[in-house]
Amino acid sequence: MFSLLDFPADVIDPDQKDLMAVRRVNDRWIVRGLLREHAADYIDHLEKTDPERLKRTCNLVMGLIRHHRQEVEDPKALFYAGLFSLATEQEIETYLSDHYLTGAVSSLLQGNHDKMATLPNSARPLAQMLARKIGEYMQRQRNAKC
């Protein structure tokens, strides 16, 4: 595996840098079930079908981690919820059907509360907090561009 340090900074496109970082984090973290594989498949899917959304997604994920990492007990939940934050309902079904927390957060960001019922009561506050932090971060990003 290579490091971003292996390349001169001026050679790496900032968007590619975020994509490389997202892939590296996903490859290295220990997660439950097949979340790592499903996330990699989702990234590959976006790379083929919607590179612009992939770019926005990677920028969002890395920004979330930089700004909120210390505020959450486990940054993995924030990372994966951010990764799927721009997913469509179909993509949520395809890639997150076995990953209830991340699927619930992604659906909440779409305005769909149905998947909250799949979570135990003890996980619902975490899902709501993640959706709130991601939504607030996305709003700040939109406001900064205006």
N, C-alpha and C. Protein backbone atom coordinates (compact mmCIF):
# COMPACT_ATOMS: atom_id res chain seq x y z
N MET A 1 0.85 -1.17 0.00
CA MET A 1 0.00 0.00 0.00
C MET A 1 0.90 1.24 0.00
N PHE A 2 0.47 2.26 -0.71
CA PHE A 2 1.26 3.49 -0.79
C PHE A 2 0.67 4.53 0.14
N SER A 3 1.43 5.55 0.37
CA SER A 3 1.02 6.66 1.21
C SER A 3 0.91 7.91 0.34
N LEU A 4 0.09 8.84 0.77
CA LEU A 4 0.01 10.11 0.06
C LEU A 4 1.36 10.81 0.09
N LEU A 5 2.18 10.48 1.06
CA LEU A 5 3.49 11.09 1.15
C LEU A 5 4.43 10.61 0.05
N ASP A 6 4.06 9.52 -0.64
CA ASP A 6 4.88 9.00 -1.73
C ASP A 6 4.83 9.88 -2.96
N PHE A 7 3.90 10.81 -3.01
CA PHE A 7 3.73 11.67 -4.17
C PHE A 7 4.00 13.11 -3.79
N PRO A 8 4.66 13.89 -4.65
CA PRO A 8 4.81 15.32 -4.37
C PRO A 8 3.42 15.97 -4.27
N ALA A 9 3.24 16.87 -3.33
CA ALA A 9 1.93 17.48 -3.08
C ALA A 9 1.36 18.13 -4.33
N ASP A 10 2.20 18.72 -5.18
CA ASP A 10 1.67 19.41 -6.35
C ASP A 10 1.26 18.44 -7.46
N VAL A 11 1.54 17.16 -7.31
CA VAL A 11 1.15 16.17 -8.32
C VAL A 11 -0.24 15.62 -8.03
N ILE A 12 -0.65 15.68 -6.78
CA ILE A 12 -1.93 15.09 -6.40
C ILE A 12 -3.03 16.14 -6.49
N ASP A 13 -4.03 15.86 -7.31
CA ASP A 13 -5.23 16.68 -7.39
C ASP A 13 -5.93 16.61 -6.03
N PRO A 14 -6.39 17.73 -5.47
CA PRO A 14 -7.03 17.70 -4.15
C PRO A 14 -8.21 16.73 -4.08
N ASP A 15 -8.99 16.64 -5.15
CA ASP A 15 -10.12 15.72 -5.14
C ASP A 15 -9.64 14.27 -5.13
N GLN A 16 -8.58 13.98 -5.88
CA GLN A 16 -8.01 12.64 -5.87
C GLN A 16 -7.43 12.31 -4.51
N LYS A 17 -6.88 13.32 -3.86
CA LYS A 17 -6.31 13.12 -2.53
C LYS A 17 -7.40 12.67 -1.55
N ASP A 18 -8.57 13.32 -1.62
CA ASP A 18 -9.68 12.92 -0.75
C ASP A 18 -10.14 11.50 -1.09
N LEU A 19 -10.25 11.19 -2.36
CA LEU A 19 -10.66 9.84 -2.77
C LEU A 19 -9.65 8.81 -2.27
N MET A 20 -8.38 9.09 -2.43
CA MET A 20 -7.34 8.17 -1.96
C MET A 20 -7.42 7.99 -0.44
N ALA A 21 -7.66 9.07 0.27
CA ALA A 21 -7.77 9.00 1.72
C ALA A 21 -8.98 8.18 2.15
N VAL A 22 -10.12 8.39 1.48
CA VAL A 22 -11.34 7.64 1.81
C VAL A 22 -11.10 6.15 1.56
N ARG A 23 -10.52 5.82 0.43
CA ARG A 23 -10.23 4.41 0.14
C ARG A 23 -9.27 3.82 1.18
N ARG A 24 -8.25 4.58 1.55
CA ARG A 24 -7.26 4.09 2.51
C ARG A 24 -7.91 3.84 3.87
N VAL A 25 -8.73 4.77 4.33
CA VAL A 25 -9.40 4.60 5.62
C VAL A 25 -10.32 3.39 5.56
N ASN A 26 -11.11 3.29 4.52
CA ASN A 26 -12.03 2.17 4.39
C ASN A 26 -11.27 0.84 4.38
N ASP A 27 -10.15 0.78 3.70
CA ASP A 27 -9.38 -0.45 3.60
C ASP A 27 -8.76 -0.87 4.94
N ARG A 28 -8.51 0.08 5.81
CA ARG A 28 -7.76 -0.22 7.03
C ARG A 28 -8.61 -0.43 8.27
N TRP A 29 -9.79 0.17 8.31
CA TRP A 29 -10.59 0.05 9.52
C TRP A 29 -11.24 -1.31 9.64
N ILE A 30 -11.31 -1.79 10.86
CA ILE A 30 -12.01 -3.03 11.14
C ILE A 30 -13.46 -2.66 11.43
N VAL A 31 -14.37 -3.23 10.64
CA VAL A 31 -15.79 -2.93 10.78
C VAL A 31 -16.58 -4.23 10.81
N ARG A 32 -17.83 -4.12 11.17
CA ARG A 32 -18.70 -5.30 11.26
C ARG A 32 -19.20 -5.73 9.89
N GLY A 33 -19.43 -7.01 9.78
CA GLY A 33 -20.03 -7.55 8.57
C GLY A 33 -19.20 -7.22 7.34
N LEU A 34 -19.89 -6.92 6.28
CA LEU A 34 -19.24 -6.62 5.00
C LEU A 34 -19.27 -5.13 4.68
N LEU A 35 -19.32 -4.29 5.71
CA LEU A 35 -19.42 -2.85 5.47
C LEU A 35 -18.23 -2.36 4.64
N ARG A 36 -17.04 -2.81 4.94
CA ARG A 36 -15.86 -2.37 4.18
C ARG A 36 -16.03 -2.71 2.69
N GLU A 37 -16.43 -3.94 2.40
CA GLU A 37 -16.60 -4.37 1.02
C GLU A 37 -17.74 -3.62 0.33
N HIS A 38 -18.85 -3.43 1.05
CA HIS A 38 -19.98 -2.71 0.47
C HIS A 38 -19.63 -1.24 0.22
N ALA A 39 -18.85 -0.65 1.12
CA ALA A 39 -18.41 0.74 0.91
C ALA A 39 -17.50 0.82 -0.30
N ALA A 40 -16.58 -0.13 -0.44
CA ALA A 40 -15.68 -0.14 -1.61
C ALA A 40 -16.48 -0.31 -2.90
N ASP A 41 -17.48 -1.17 -2.86
CA ASP A 41 -18.34 -1.36 -4.04
C ASP A 41 -19.09 -0.08 -4.38
N TYR A 42 -19.56 0.63 -3.35
CA TYR A 42 -20.28 1.88 -3.56
C TYR A 42 -19.35 2.93 -4.16
N ILE A 43 -18.13 3.02 -3.66
CA ILE A 43 -17.16 3.97 -4.21
C ILE A 43 -16.89 3.65 -5.68
N ASP A 44 -16.69 2.36 -5.98
CA ASP A 44 -16.47 1.94 -7.37
C ASP A 44 -17.67 2.29 -8.25
N HIS A 45 -18.86 2.07 -7.70
CA HIS A 45 -20.10 2.39 -8.42
C HIS A 45 -20.16 3.89 -8.76
N LEU A 46 -19.88 4.73 -7.77
CA LEU A 46 -19.90 6.17 -8.02
C LEU A 46 -18.82 6.59 -9.00
N GLU A 47 -17.67 5.95 -8.91
CA GLU A 47 -16.57 6.28 -9.82
C GLU A 47 -16.99 6.03 -11.28
N LYS A 48 -17.78 4.99 -11.49
CA LYS A 48 -18.23 4.65 -12.85
C LYS A 48 -19.45 5.45 -13.29
N THR A 49 -20.36 5.72 -12.36
CA THR A 49 -21.66 6.28 -12.75
C THR A 49 -21.83 7.76 -12.45
N ASP A 50 -21.13 8.27 -11.44
CA ASP A 50 -21.35 9.65 -11.02
C ASP A 50 -20.09 10.22 -10.36
N PRO A 51 -19.02 10.44 -11.15
CA PRO A 51 -17.76 10.92 -10.57
C PRO A 51 -17.90 12.24 -9.81
N GLU A 52 -18.81 13.09 -10.24
CA GLU A 52 -18.99 14.37 -9.55
C GLU A 52 -19.54 14.15 -8.15
N ARG A 53 -20.50 13.24 -8.00
CA ARG A 53 -21.04 12.94 -6.66
C ARG A 53 -19.98 12.24 -5.81
N LEU A 54 -19.15 11.41 -6.42
CA LEU A 54 -18.05 10.79 -5.69
C LEU A 54 -17.11 11.85 -5.14
N LYS A 55 -16.78 12.82 -5.95
CA LYS A 55 -15.91 13.92 -5.52
C LYS A 55 -16.53 14.66 -4.33
N ARG A 56 -17.81 15.02 -4.46
CA ARG A 56 -18.49 15.72 -3.36
C ARG A 56 -18.54 14.86 -2.10
N THR A 57 -18.79 13.56 -2.30
CA THR A 57 -18.87 12.64 -1.17
C THR A 57 -17.54 12.55 -0.44
N CYS A 58 -16.46 12.37 -1.17
CA CYS A 58 -15.14 12.25 -0.54
C CYS A 58 -14.74 13.54 0.16
N ASN A 59 -15.02 14.68 -0.47
CA ASN A 59 -14.74 15.97 0.17
C ASN A 59 -15.54 16.10 1.47
N LEU A 60 -16.79 15.70 1.42
CA LEU A 60 -17.66 15.75 2.59
C LEU A 60 -17.15 14.85 3.70
N VAL A 61 -16.82 13.61 3.37
CA VAL A 61 -16.36 12.66 4.38
C VAL A 61 -15.08 13.16 5.06
N MET A 62 -14.13 13.59 4.28
CA MET A 62 -12.88 14.04 4.88
C MET A 62 -13.07 15.32 5.69
N GLY A 63 -13.95 16.20 5.23
CA GLY A 63 -14.27 17.40 6.01
C GLY A 63 -14.94 17.05 7.33
N LEU A 64 -15.88 16.12 7.29
CA LEU A 64 -16.55 15.68 8.52
C LEU A 64 -15.55 15.12 9.53
N ILE A 65 -14.67 14.28 9.04
CA ILE A 65 -13.69 13.67 9.93
C ILE A 65 -12.76 14.74 10.51
N ARG A 66 -12.33 15.66 9.67
CA ARG A 66 -11.45 16.72 10.18
C ARG A 66 -12.14 17.59 11.23
N HIS A 67 -13.41 17.90 11.02
CA HIS A 67 -14.10 18.85 11.90
C HIS A 67 -14.81 18.22 13.10
N HIS A 68 -15.19 16.95 13.00
CA HIS A 68 -16.01 16.37 14.06
C HIS A 68 -15.42 15.13 14.72
N ARG A 69 -14.24 14.74 14.33
CA ARG A 69 -13.67 13.49 14.85
C ARG A 69 -13.63 13.45 16.38
N GLN A 70 -13.27 14.54 17.01
CA GLN A 70 -13.15 14.57 18.47
C GLN A 70 -14.51 14.60 19.17
N GLU A 71 -15.56 14.89 18.42
CA GLU A 71 -16.88 15.03 19.03
C GLU A 71 -17.65 13.72 19.10
N VAL A 72 -17.16 12.69 18.44
CA VAL A 72 -17.87 11.42 18.41
C VAL A 72 -17.02 10.35 19.07
N GLU A 73 -17.70 9.41 19.70
CA GLU A 73 -17.00 8.33 20.41
C GLU A 73 -16.24 7.44 19.43
N ASP A 74 -16.86 7.12 18.32
CA ASP A 74 -16.24 6.25 17.32
C ASP A 74 -16.35 6.93 15.96
N PRO A 75 -15.25 7.39 15.38
CA PRO A 75 -15.33 8.10 14.10
C PRO A 75 -15.76 7.21 12.93
N LYS A 76 -15.76 5.91 13.12
CA LYS A 76 -16.17 5.01 12.03
C LYS A 76 -17.64 5.27 11.65
N ALA A 77 -18.48 5.44 12.64
CA ALA A 77 -19.90 5.68 12.35
C ALA A 77 -20.07 6.97 11.56
N LEU A 78 -19.33 8.01 11.93
CA LEU A 78 -19.39 9.29 11.21
C LEU A 78 -18.84 9.13 9.79
N PHE A 79 -17.73 8.42 9.66
CA PHE A 79 -17.11 8.19 8.36
C PHE A 79 -18.09 7.50 7.40
N TYR A 80 -18.66 6.37 7.83
CA TYR A 80 -19.53 5.61 6.93
C TYR A 80 -20.86 6.31 6.69
N ALA A 81 -21.39 6.98 7.69
CA ALA A 81 -22.62 7.75 7.47
C ALA A 81 -22.35 8.88 6.49
N GLY A 82 -21.21 9.53 6.61
CA GLY A 82 -20.83 10.57 5.66
C GLY A 82 -20.62 10.01 4.26
N LEU A 83 -19.99 8.85 4.18
CA LEU A 83 -19.73 8.23 2.88
C LEU A 83 -21.03 7.98 2.11
N PHE A 84 -22.06 7.57 2.82
CA PHE A 84 -23.33 7.25 2.17
C PHE A 84 -24.35 8.39 2.27
N SER A 85 -23.91 9.57 2.69
CA SER A 85 -24.85 10.68 2.93
C SER A 85 -25.50 11.20 1.66
N LEU A 86 -24.90 11.01 0.51
CA LEU A 86 -25.49 11.47 -0.75
C LEU A 86 -26.05 10.31 -1.56
N ALA A 87 -26.16 9.15 -0.93
CA ALA A 87 -26.69 7.97 -1.62
C ALA A 87 -28.17 8.12 -1.90
N THR A 88 -28.59 7.55 -3.00
CA THR A 88 -30.01 7.50 -3.33
C THR A 88 -30.67 6.38 -2.52
N GLU A 89 -31.98 6.38 -2.48
CA GLU A 89 -32.70 5.31 -1.78
C GLU A 89 -32.33 3.95 -2.36
N GLN A 90 -32.20 3.86 -3.69
CA GLN A 90 -31.82 2.59 -4.32
C GLN A 90 -30.41 2.17 -3.89
N GLU A 91 -29.49 3.11 -3.83
CA GLU A 91 -28.13 2.80 -3.39
C GLU A 91 -28.11 2.38 -1.92
N ILE A 92 -28.93 3.02 -1.11
CA ILE A 92 -29.04 2.64 0.30
C ILE A 92 -29.50 1.20 0.40
N GLU A 93 -30.52 0.84 -0.38
CA GLU A 93 -31.01 -0.55 -0.38
C GLU A 93 -29.94 -1.52 -0.88
N THR A 94 -29.23 -1.14 -1.92
CA THR A 94 -28.23 -2.02 -2.52
C THR A 94 -27.02 -2.24 -1.62
N TYR A 95 -26.50 -1.17 -1.04
CA TYR A 95 -25.23 -1.26 -0.32
C TYR A 95 -25.36 -1.31 1.19
N LEU A 96 -26.51 -0.92 1.73
CA LEU A 96 -26.64 -0.82 3.18
C LEU A 96 -27.76 -1.66 3.78
N SER A 97 -28.29 -2.60 3.03
CA SER A 97 -29.42 -3.38 3.55
C SER A 97 -29.06 -4.15 4.83
N ASP A 98 -27.80 -4.49 5.01
CA ASP A 98 -27.36 -5.20 6.22
C ASP A 98 -26.67 -4.30 7.23
N HIS A 99 -26.64 -3.02 6.97
CA HIS A 99 -25.93 -2.07 7.83
C HIS A 99 -26.94 -1.04 8.33
N TYR A 100 -27.64 -1.42 9.38
CA TYR A 100 -28.82 -0.68 9.82
C TYR A 100 -28.54 0.75 10.26
N LEU A 101 -27.49 0.97 11.02
CA LEU A 101 -27.22 2.32 11.50
C LEU A 101 -26.89 3.25 10.33
N THR A 102 -25.96 2.84 9.49
CA THR A 102 -25.56 3.69 8.36
C THR A 102 -26.74 3.89 7.41
N GLY A 103 -27.51 2.84 7.18
CA GLY A 103 -28.69 2.97 6.32
C GLY A 103 -29.72 3.92 6.90
N ALA A 104 -29.92 3.85 8.21
CA ALA A 104 -30.90 4.73 8.86
C ALA A 104 -30.45 6.19 8.77
N VAL A 105 -29.16 6.44 9.00
CA VAL A 105 -28.66 7.81 8.92
C VAL A 105 -28.79 8.34 7.50
N SER A 106 -28.40 7.53 6.52
CA SER A 106 -28.50 7.94 5.11
C SER A 106 -29.94 8.25 4.74
N SER A 107 -30.85 7.41 5.19
CA SER A 107 -32.27 7.65 4.90
C SER A 107 -32.78 8.90 5.61
N LEU A 108 -32.35 9.12 6.85
CA LEU A 108 -32.74 10.34 7.56
C LEU A 108 -32.31 11.57 6.78
N LEU A 109 -31.12 11.53 6.21
CA LEU A 109 -30.63 12.67 5.44
C LEU A 109 -31.46 12.90 4.19
N GLN A 110 -32.17 11.88 3.73
CA GLN A 110 -33.06 12.00 2.59
C GLN A 110 -34.47 12.42 3.03
N GLY A 111 -34.66 12.53 4.35
CA GLY A 111 -35.97 12.88 4.88
C GLY A 111 -36.86 11.68 5.14
N ASN A 112 -36.30 10.49 5.06
CA ASN A 112 -37.05 9.25 5.27
C ASN A 112 -36.72 8.70 6.66
N HIS A 113 -37.72 8.61 7.51
CA HIS A 113 -37.53 8.15 8.88
C HIS A 113 -37.86 6.67 9.06
N ASP A 114 -38.28 5.99 8.01
CA ASP A 114 -38.73 4.60 8.11
C ASP A 114 -37.66 3.66 8.65
N LYS A 115 -36.43 3.84 8.27
CA LYS A 115 -35.36 2.91 8.67
C LYS A 115 -35.00 3.05 10.14
N MET A 116 -35.43 4.11 10.78
CA MET A 116 -35.18 4.24 12.22
C MET A 116 -35.81 3.08 12.98
N ALA A 117 -36.90 2.54 12.46
CA ALA A 117 -37.58 1.43 13.12
C ALA A 117 -36.73 0.16 13.12
N THR A 118 -35.72 0.09 12.24
CA THR A 118 -34.85 -1.09 12.20
C THR A 118 -33.79 -1.05 13.30
N LEU A 119 -33.64 0.09 13.94
CA LEU A 119 -32.62 0.25 14.98
C LEU A 119 -33.17 -0.03 16.36
N PRO A 120 -32.34 -0.60 17.24
CA PRO A 120 -32.78 -0.68 18.64
C PRO A 120 -32.91 0.72 19.22
N ASN A 121 -33.74 0.88 20.19
CA ASN A 121 -33.95 2.20 20.80
C ASN A 121 -32.64 2.83 21.23
N SER A 122 -31.70 2.02 21.69
CA SER A 122 -30.43 2.55 22.19
C SER A 122 -29.57 3.17 21.08
N ALA A 123 -29.78 2.78 19.81
CA ALA A 123 -28.99 3.29 18.69
C ALA A 123 -29.63 4.50 18.03
N ARG A 124 -30.87 4.76 18.31
CA ARG A 124 -31.58 5.86 17.63
C ARG A 124 -30.99 7.24 17.93
N PRO A 125 -30.62 7.54 19.18
CA PRO A 125 -30.00 8.85 19.42
C PRO A 125 -28.69 9.03 18.62
N LEU A 126 -27.90 7.96 18.49
CA LEU A 126 -26.67 8.05 17.71
C LEU A 126 -26.99 8.35 16.25
N ALA A 127 -27.96 7.67 15.69
CA ALA A 127 -28.35 7.90 14.29
C ALA A 127 -28.82 9.34 14.10
N GLN A 128 -29.62 9.83 15.02
CA GLN A 128 -30.11 11.20 14.92
C GLN A 128 -28.98 12.21 15.06
N MET A 129 -28.04 11.96 15.98
CA MET A 129 -26.90 12.85 16.16
C MET A 129 -26.03 12.89 14.91
N LEU A 130 -25.76 11.71 14.33
CA LEU A 130 -24.94 11.66 13.12
C LEU A 130 -25.62 12.40 11.97
N ALA A 131 -26.91 12.16 11.79
CA ALA A 131 -27.65 12.84 10.72
C ALA A 131 -27.64 14.35 10.94
N ARG A 132 -27.78 14.77 12.19
CA ARG A 132 -27.76 16.20 12.50
C ARG A 132 -26.39 16.81 12.18
N LYS A 133 -25.32 16.17 12.63
CA LYS A 133 -23.97 16.70 12.38
C LYS A 133 -23.67 16.76 10.88
N ILE A 134 -24.05 15.71 10.16
CA ILE A 134 -23.80 15.69 8.72
C ILE A 134 -24.64 16.75 8.03
N GLY A 135 -25.91 16.85 8.39
CA GLY A 135 -26.78 17.86 7.80
C GLY A 135 -26.28 19.28 8.07
N GLU A 136 -25.85 19.54 9.29
CA GLU A 136 -25.32 20.86 9.64
C GLU A 136 -24.03 21.15 8.86
N TYR A 137 -23.18 20.16 8.74
CA TYR A 137 -21.93 20.35 7.99
C TYR A 137 -22.22 20.62 6.52
N MET A 138 -23.17 19.89 5.95
CA MET A 138 -23.54 20.11 4.55
C MET A 138 -24.10 21.51 4.36
N GLN A 139 -24.91 21.97 5.31
CA GLN A 139 -25.48 23.31 5.22
C GLN A 139 -24.39 24.37 5.30
N ARG A 140 -23.43 24.19 6.21
CA ARG A 140 -22.31 25.14 6.30
C ARG A 140 -21.52 25.18 5.00
N GLN A 141 -21.33 24.03 4.38
CA GLN A 141 -20.60 23.98 3.10
C GLN A 141 -21.37 24.73 2.01
N ARG A 142 -22.69 24.54 1.99
CA ARG A 142 -23.52 25.25 0.99
C ARG A 142 -23.46 26.76 1.23
N ASN A 143 -23.56 27.16 2.49
CA ASN A 143 -23.52 28.58 2.83
C ASN A 143 -22.17 29.21 2.48
N ALA A 144 -21.10 28.45 2.66
CA ALA A 144 -19.76 28.97 2.35
C ALA A 144 -19.58 29.20 0.86
N LYS A 145 -20.32 28.47 0.03
CA LYS A 145 -20.20 28.63 -1.42
C LYS A 145 -21.02 29.80 -1.94
N CYS A 146 -21.94 30.28 -1.13
CA CYS A 146 -22.80 31.41 -1.58
C CYS A 146 -22.08 32.72 -1.48
